[in-house]
Protein backbone atom coordinates (compact mmCIF):
# COMPACT_ATOMS: atom_id res chain seq x y z
CA MET A 1 0.00 0.00 0.00
CA THR A 2 1.25 3.47 -0.91
CA ARG A 3 1.77 5.71 2.10
CA VAL A 4 1.59 9.52 1.87
CA LEU A 5 2.65 11.80 4.72
CA LEU A 6 1.09 15.27 4.73
CA ALA A 7 3.27 17.81 6.55
CA PRO A 8 2.24 21.31 5.46
CA ASP A 9 2.64 24.61 7.26
CA LYS A 10 -0.26 27.07 7.46
CA PHE A 11 -1.44 29.20 4.55
CA LYS A 12 -1.09 32.43 6.51
CA GLY A 13 -4.28 34.41 6.82
CA THR A 14 -6.47 31.69 5.31
CA LEU A 15 -5.94 28.16 6.65
CA THR A 16 -4.15 26.50 9.54
CA ALA A 17 -1.67 23.74 8.76
CA ALA A 18 -4.19 21.16 9.96
CA GLU A 19 -6.85 22.58 7.64
CA VAL A 20 -4.45 22.50 4.69
CA ALA A 21 -3.70 18.85 5.44
CA HIS A 22 -7.40 18.02 5.77
CA HIS A 23 -8.24 19.41 2.33
CA LEU A 24 -5.27 17.69 0.71
CA ALA A 25 -6.20 14.37 2.32
CA THR A 26 -9.78 14.68 1.09
CA GLY A 27 -8.55 15.32 -2.43
CA ILE A 28 -6.08 12.42 -2.41
CA ARG A 29 -8.67 9.96 -1.10
CA SER A 30 -11.23 11.07 -3.69
CA VAL A 31 -8.95 9.68 -6.41
CA ALA A 32 -6.96 7.01 -4.55
CA PRO A 33 -9.07 5.70 -1.64
CA ASP A 34 -6.65 2.87 -0.94
CA VAL A 35 -3.70 5.20 -0.25
CA GLU A 36 -2.71 5.39 3.40
CA VAL A 37 -2.59 9.06 4.39
CA SER A 38 -0.89 10.28 7.57
CA VAL A 39 -1.07 13.87 8.75
CA VAL A 40 1.59 15.77 10.70
CA PRO A 41 1.00 19.55 10.42
CA VAL A 42 4.16 21.57 11.02
CA ALA A 43 5.36 25.13 11.61
CA ASP A 44 8.68 26.92 11.31
CA GLY A 45 8.92 27.78 15.00
CA GLY A 46 6.97 31.03 14.80
CA ASP A 47 3.22 31.53 14.72
CA GLY A 48 1.40 28.26 14.23
CA THR A 49 3.70 26.30 16.55
CA VAL A 50 0.99 25.80 19.18
CA ASP A 51 -1.42 24.65 16.46
CA ALA A 52 1.13 22.12 15.23
CA ALA A 53 1.72 20.82 18.75
CA VAL A 54 -2.02 20.45 19.40
CA ALA A 55 -2.47 18.61 16.10
CA ALA A 56 0.30 16.26 17.24
CA GLY A 57 -1.60 15.37 20.40
CA TYR A 58 -0.55 18.04 22.90
CA ASP A 59 -3.31 19.36 25.13
CA GLU A 60 -4.43 22.88 24.30
CA ARG A 61 -4.37 25.18 27.30
CA SER A 62 -5.40 28.81 27.71
CA SER A 63 -4.08 31.32 30.23
CA ARG A 64 -4.99 34.91 30.98
CA ALA A 65 -2.10 37.25 30.18
CA HIS A 66 -1.32 40.80 29.07
CA GLY A 67 -0.94 41.70 25.42
CA PRO A 68 1.89 43.86 24.08
CA THR A 69 0.21 47.09 25.20
CA GLY A 70 -1.23 45.82 28.48
CA GLU A 71 -4.70 44.57 27.61
CA GLU A 72 -5.67 41.30 29.25
CA ARG A 73 -6.60 38.44 26.95
CA ASP A 74 -6.54 34.67 26.72
CA ALA A 75 -3.40 33.11 25.27
CA ARG A 76 -3.24 29.56 23.95
CA TRP A 77 -0.33 27.25 24.70
CA ALA A 78 0.22 23.50 24.55
CA LEU A 79 1.09 20.85 27.12
CA ARG A 80 2.17 17.23 26.98
CA ASP A 81 3.43 15.54 30.14
CA THR A 82 6.00 18.04 31.47
CA THR A 83 6.66 19.88 28.21
CA GLY A 84 5.00 23.22 27.53
CA VAL A 85 4.93 25.01 24.18
CA VAL A 86 4.60 28.79 24.41
CA GLU A 87 4.17 30.90 21.29
CA MET A 88 5.12 34.55 21.52
CA ALA A 89 2.84 35.53 18.63
CA GLU A 90 -0.16 34.25 20.63
CA ILE A 91 0.15 36.99 23.27
CA SER A 92 3.04 39.38 22.51
CA GLY A 93 2.88 39.34 18.72
CA LEU A 94 2.18 41.97 16.11
CA GLY A 95 -1.23 40.42 15.57
CA GLN A 96 -2.17 41.17 19.19
CA LEU A 97 -1.76 44.94 18.92
CA PRO A 98 -5.13 46.68 19.41
CA GLY A 99 -6.38 47.92 16.07
CA GLY A 100 -3.12 46.83 14.51
CA VAL A 101 -1.47 50.06 15.69
CA LEU A 102 2.29 49.53 16.00
CA ARG A 103 3.91 50.49 19.32
CA ALA A 104 7.62 50.14 18.74
CA ARG A 105 8.71 52.01 21.89
CA SER A 106 6.15 50.75 24.42
CA ALA A 107 5.19 47.21 23.35
CA SER A 108 6.18 44.64 25.97
CA SER A 109 6.98 40.92 26.10
CA VAL A 110 5.42 40.57 29.57
CA GLY A 111 2.56 38.37 28.38
CA THR A 112 4.94 35.74 27.07
CA GLY A 113 6.53 35.54 30.51
CA GLU A 114 3.09 35.22 32.10
CA VAL A 115 2.24 32.26 29.89
CA MET A 116 5.60 30.69 30.70
CA LEU A 117 4.75 31.12 34.38
CA ALA A 118 1.42 29.36 33.82
CA ALA A 119 3.31 26.48 32.20
CA LEU A 120 5.64 26.26 35.20
CA GLU A 121 2.62 26.17 37.49
CA ALA A 122 1.26 23.28 35.40
CA GLY A 123 4.42 21.32 36.24
CA CYS A 124 6.45 21.86 33.07
CA ARG A 125 10.13 20.97 33.24
CA THR A 126 10.76 21.79 29.57
CA LEU A 127 9.56 25.03 28.00
CA VAL A 128 9.64 25.37 24.23
CA LEU A 129 9.50 29.05 23.35
CA ALA A 130 8.54 30.01 19.79
CA ILE A 131 9.53 33.65 19.44
CA GLY A 132 8.59 34.66 15.88
CA GLY A 133 6.31 37.60 15.14
CA SER A 134 6.97 39.66 18.26
CA ALA A 135 5.67 43.21 18.60
CA SER A 136 8.22 44.37 21.18
CA THR A 137 11.83 45.55 21.36
CA ASP A 138 12.27 45.40 25.12
CA GLY A 139 15.20 43.01 25.36
CA GLY A 140 12.98 40.48 27.08
CA ALA A 141 12.65 42.75 30.12
CA GLY A 142 8.88 42.31 30.20
CA LEU A 143 9.20 38.54 30.01
CA LEU A 144 11.65 38.50 32.92
CA THR A 145 9.51 40.73 35.12
CA ALA A 146 6.57 38.37 34.62
CA LEU A 147 8.83 35.58 35.88
CA GLY A 148 9.76 37.51 39.02
CA ALA A 149 12.59 39.90 38.10
CA ARG A 150 12.44 43.65 38.75
CA VAL A 151 13.75 46.45 36.53
CA THR A 152 13.91 49.75 38.37
CA ASP A 153 15.10 53.31 37.85
CA ALA A 154 17.55 55.25 40.03
CA GLY A 155 14.75 55.96 42.50
CA GLY A 156 13.80 52.30 42.87
CA ARG A 157 10.61 52.59 40.84
CA ASP A 158 9.61 50.03 38.22
CA VAL A 159 10.40 51.35 34.77
CA ALA A 160 7.72 51.78 32.14
CA PRO A 161 7.04 48.79 29.88
CA GLY A 162 8.63 48.53 26.46
CA GLY A 163 12.05 49.23 25.08
CA ALA A 164 11.86 52.96 25.70
CA GLY A 165 11.34 52.31 29.41
CA LEU A 166 14.80 50.78 29.56
CA LEU A 167 16.31 54.23 28.94
CA ASP A 168 15.46 54.94 32.59
CA ALA A 169 16.59 51.56 33.90
CA ALA A 170 19.29 51.62 36.58
CA HIS A 171 19.03 48.19 38.19
CA LEU A 172 17.97 44.63 37.38
CA ASP A 173 17.17 42.36 40.32
CA VAL A 174 16.87 38.69 39.36
CA SER A 175 16.72 37.36 42.92
CA GLY A 176 12.95 37.01 42.66
CA LEU A 177 12.94 34.87 39.53
CA ASP A 178 10.72 31.83 39.93
CA PRO A 179 12.98 29.14 41.44
CA ARG A 180 11.37 26.47 39.24
CA LEU A 181 13.27 27.99 36.31
CA ARG A 182 16.47 26.52 37.71
CA GLU A 183 15.09 23.03 37.08
CA CYS A 184 13.55 23.90 33.72
CA ASP A 185 15.07 23.35 30.27
CA VAL A 186 14.18 26.39 28.15
CA VAL A 187 14.49 25.77 24.41
CA VAL A 188 14.06 28.70 22.02
CA ALA A 189 13.02 28.24 18.40
CA CYS A 190 15.12 30.79 16.55
CA ASP A 191 16.06 31.17 12.89
CA VAL A 192 17.92 34.49 12.98
CA ASP A 193 21.51 35.16 14.01
CA ASN A 194 21.21 38.88 14.69
CA PRO A 195 23.08 40.26 17.72
CA LEU A 196 21.31 42.43 20.24
CA LEU A 197 22.96 45.73 19.32
CA GLY A 198 24.26 47.77 16.41
CA PRO A 199 23.42 47.99 12.70
CA ASN A 200 22.46 44.32 12.54
CA GLY A 201 20.77 44.29 15.93
CA ALA A 202 17.22 43.98 17.18
CA ALA A 203 16.29 47.65 16.90
CA ALA A 204 17.97 48.41 13.57
CA VAL A 205 16.82 45.34 11.65
CA TYR A 206 13.42 44.59 13.11
CA GLY A 207 12.42 47.87 14.77
CA PRO A 208 11.11 49.43 11.53
CA GLN A 209 8.81 46.42 11.01
CA LYS A 210 7.36 47.20 14.43
CA GLY A 211 6.78 50.86 13.66
CA ALA A 212 10.08 52.39 14.77
CA SER A 213 11.20 55.61 13.09
CA PRO A 214 14.94 56.25 12.59
CA ALA A 215 14.91 58.24 15.83
CA ASP A 216 13.10 55.39 17.58
CA VAL A 217 15.68 52.91 16.31
CA ASP A 218 18.49 54.99 17.80
CA ALA A 219 16.66 55.33 21.11
CA LEU A 220 15.82 51.64 21.30
CA ASP A 221 19.37 50.61 20.46
CA SER A 222 20.65 52.86 23.24
CA ALA A 223 18.08 51.40 25.61
CA LEU A 224 19.14 47.85 24.73
CA GLU A 225 22.79 48.76 25.26
CA ARG A 226 21.92 49.99 28.73
CA TRP A 227 19.89 46.83 29.31
CA ALA A 228 22.80 44.61 28.29
CA GLU A 229 25.01 46.30 30.88
CA LEU A 230 22.38 45.78 33.61
CA VAL A 231 21.94 42.13 32.70
CA ASP A 232 25.69 41.57 32.76
CA HIS A 233 25.93 43.18 36.18
CA ALA A 234 22.97 41.18 37.53
CA VAL A 235 23.88 37.77 36.16
CA GLY A 236 27.64 37.89 35.94
CA THR A 237 28.02 34.38 34.56
CA GLY A 238 29.96 35.24 31.43
CA SER A 239 26.98 34.17 29.33
CA THR A 240 25.61 37.64 28.69
CA ASP A 241 27.25 38.32 25.33
CA PRO A 242 24.96 40.72 23.39
CA SER A 243 26.77 39.76 20.18
CA ALA A 244 25.71 36.11 20.49
CA HIS A 245 23.86 34.67 17.53
CA GLY A 246 20.15 35.07 18.10
CA ALA A 247 20.50 37.60 20.93
CA GLY A 248 18.57 40.11 18.83
CA ALA A 249 15.72 37.72 18.07
CA ALA A 250 12.22 38.88 19.00
CA GLY A 251 13.34 42.34 20.01
CA GLY A 252 15.98 40.97 22.35
CA VAL A 253 13.96 38.19 23.97
CA GLY A 254 16.66 35.90 22.63
CA PHE A 255 19.23 37.77 24.72
CA ALA A 256 17.18 37.53 27.93
CA ALA A 257 16.53 33.84 27.37
CA LEU A 258 20.20 33.06 26.76
CA ALA A 259 21.73 35.30 29.41
CA VAL A 260 19.25 35.01 32.27
CA LEU A 261 17.28 31.81 31.72
CA GLY A 262 20.20 29.75 30.42
CA ALA A 263 18.20 28.80 27.36
CA ARG A 264 19.50 26.94 24.36
CA MET A 265 18.53 27.83 20.81
CA ARG A 266 17.52 25.53 17.99
CA PRO A 267 16.45 26.19 14.40
CA GLY A 268 12.67 26.51 14.47
CA ILE A 269 11.75 23.86 11.93
CA ASP A 270 14.16 21.30 13.42
CA LEU A 271 12.65 21.85 16.85
CA VAL A 272 9.08 21.56 15.55
CA LEU A 273 9.78 18.39 13.55
CA ASP A 274 11.00 16.76 16.76
CA LEU A 275 8.11 18.20 18.73
CA VAL A 276 5.40 16.79 16.46
CA GLY A 277 7.01 13.41 15.82
CA PHE A 278 7.71 14.00 12.13
CA HIS A 279 10.67 11.63 11.93
CA GLU A 280 8.67 8.77 13.40
CA ALA A 281 5.78 9.44 11.01
CA LEU A 282 8.20 9.52 8.07
CA VAL A 283 9.18 5.88 8.53
CA GLY A 284 7.56 3.88 5.74
CA ALA A 285 6.25 6.91 3.83
CA ASP A 286 6.50 6.76 0.04
CA LEU A 287 5.79 10.45 -0.51
CA VAL A 288 5.79 13.59 1.63
CA VAL A 289 3.58 16.56 0.76
CA THR A 290 4.50 19.85 2.39
CA GLY A 291 3.68 23.49 1.64
CA GLU A 292 2.90 27.00 2.79
CA GLY A 293 1.07 30.05 1.51
CA ARG A 294 3.93 31.25 -0.65
CA LEU A 295 6.96 29.36 -1.88
CA ASP A 296 9.69 31.92 -2.54
CA GLU A 297 13.30 32.70 -1.66
CA GLN A 298 12.41 33.00 2.03
CA THR A 299 11.23 29.39 1.95
CA LEU A 300 14.81 28.32 1.36
CA SER A 301 16.02 30.01 4.57
CA GLY A 302 14.66 27.91 7.40
CA LYS A 303 10.98 27.85 6.49
CA ALA A 304 8.95 24.73 7.12
CA PRO A 305 8.76 23.27 3.57
CA ALA A 306 12.54 23.39 3.16
CA GLY A 307 13.06 21.75 6.54
CA VAL A 308 10.51 19.04 5.81
CA ALA A 309 12.07 18.36 2.40
CA ALA A 310 15.57 18.15 3.89
CA ALA A 311 14.48 15.64 6.50
CA ALA A 312 12.58 13.57 3.95
CA SER A 313 15.50 13.64 1.52
CA ALA A 314 17.85 12.40 4.23
CA ALA A 315 15.49 9.44 4.66
CA GLY A 316 15.35 8.80 0.92
CA THR A 317 11.73 9.89 0.54
CA THR A 318 10.40 12.10 -2.26
CA THR A 319 8.84 15.46 -1.34
CA VAL A 320 6.38 17.58 -3.30
CA ALA A 321 4.80 20.86 -2.25
CA VAL A 322 1.61 22.89 -2.53
CA CYS A 323 1.25 26.62 -2.06
CA GLY A 324 -0.94 29.60 -2.73
CA ARG A 325 1.67 31.28 -4.88
CA LEU A 326 4.80 29.79 -6.43
CA ASP A 327 7.80 32.08 -6.95
CA LEU A 328 10.52 29.43 -7.21
CA GLY A 329 11.74 27.82 -10.40
CA ALA A 330 12.28 24.11 -10.90
CA ALA A 331 16.02 24.34 -10.23
CA ALA A 332 15.52 26.12 -6.90
CA LEU A 333 12.87 23.62 -5.88
CA ARG A 334 15.14 20.68 -6.69
CA ALA A 335 17.99 22.28 -4.76
CA ALA A 336 15.66 22.44 -1.75
CA GLY A 337 14.77 18.76 -2.14
CA ILE A 338 11.30 19.40 -3.61
CA THR A 339 10.56 17.31 -6.70
CA ALA A 340 7.48 19.24 -7.84
CA ALA A 341 5.16 21.99 -6.63
CA TRP A 342 1.59 23.02 -7.36
CA ALA A 343 -0.03 26.39 -6.62
CA LEU A 344 -3.68 27.26 -6.11
CA THR A 345 -3.35 29.36 -9.26
CA ASP A 346 -2.78 26.11 -11.18
CA VAL A 347 -6.44 25.27 -10.66
CA SER A 348 -7.95 28.78 -10.55
CA ASP A 349 -6.86 32.04 -12.13
CA ASP A 350 -9.24 33.92 -9.82
CA LEU A 351 -6.95 35.42 -7.16
CA GLU A 352 -9.88 36.35 -4.94
CA GLU A 353 -11.03 32.72 -4.95
CA CYS A 354 -7.51 31.62 -4.04
CA MET A 355 -7.62 33.89 -0.99
CA THR A 356 -11.22 33.35 0.11
CA ARG A 357 -11.86 29.69 -0.86
CA PRO A 358 -8.51 27.91 -0.77
CA GLY A 359 -9.94 24.71 0.72
CA PRO A 360 -11.75 23.40 -2.39
CA LEU A 361 -8.74 24.33 -4.50
CA LEU A 362 -6.44 22.33 -2.22
CA HIS A 363 -8.88 19.46 -2.61
CA GLN A 364 -8.27 19.65 -6.36
CA LEU A 365 -4.50 19.79 -5.87
CA GLY A 366 -4.69 16.73 -3.65
CA ALA A 367 -6.54 14.93 -6.42
CA ARG A 368 -3.85 15.94 -8.93
CA ILE A 369 -1.14 14.59 -6.66
CA ALA A 370 -3.04 11.32 -6.29
CA GLU A 371 -3.33 11.00 -10.06
CA GLN A 372 0.46 11.31 -10.35
CA LEU A 373 1.36 9.09 -7.40
CA PRO A 374 2.80 6.24 -9.50
CA GLY A 375 5.37 8.59 -10.97
CA LEU A 376 6.13 10.37 -7.71
CA VAL A 377 6.85 7.55 -5.30
CA THR A 378 10.48 6.51 -5.08
CA ASP A 379 11.97 3.36 -6.55
CA ARG A 380 12.69 2.22 -3.01
CA ALA A 381 8.98 2.57 -2.17
CA ALA A 382 7.94 0.76 -5.34
CA GLY A 383 10.32 -2.07 -4.48
CA ARG A 384 8.78 -2.41 -1.05
CA GLU A 385 5.27 -2.62 -2.56
CA HIS A 386 6.21 -5.33 -5.02
């Protein structure tokens, strides 16, 4: 029996990864009902990571926390045994800003720390932190305060939230950090190598995406420089290097996680593939189908389809992809380990339909893949069948 493993990422703004997989599976079975279809939705370690974990069998949890500008809301996270999966985009992300109004100077990461605290209270000994899509540039100060640290000015008052508040910071006290953190393995999904400071740092590279003007970028970089000095003085372990790869991730949350929480960083897709049991599901698969909303040059730099294809290729399994829009040529796809790719525009030239009704179109793409299965499965798979 032919076995197909569906491991797509979300189609951002339209379908979750699980929904993409559902429509593909329906299409495949409509043409080839005897094909064994397995589903392992994935993510690249940013938004969608909690969804992928839940689809893999983690329990979905919800905790009350503060958004990037202080409003209380419910934030989803995932739990299995003593492992918690916390997604920064769920509570401290750009999508959580009221009215979509960017707040580069004042947005805080405090909510992410509050959800981490909820995971600790649930008994977690491993915390997986997906930090993509953050709205803040506060060096992780908000996150640390939620976990028990204090950041105060020269008069002993708590500084204002956000990166700009760090301009007034004079002291970091980490003595109140939750003691359970000492027994907790914090793993950060991170696909950037930016340092905390300077022209390639958190403020300069990502600040403009969060609404920072050139003047704001300068102020935030100065604030983060001050913050790095305070962290070094408070921790003093020699692990507070602001030039470390990934220190500038998520507005400096990477720096706080490395320097204060003793976190380790892993490429997002590698972490997620382990998290959702992709490698186990891959055993015996004849074909892997992955995808995301847009296959382009960014796909080749740590995005989920490239990571899925690399893992499948290492196991000798063919990978094909689906997407909303295809901006990669055949040579680039092959270099990424993807044998073929289909876009929604291959079955509809109505762009509005592709955006508003992608499900039925994915059904059709699934049917097309099923029709071509004999030519797509590997020789190794064919040998096993016969």
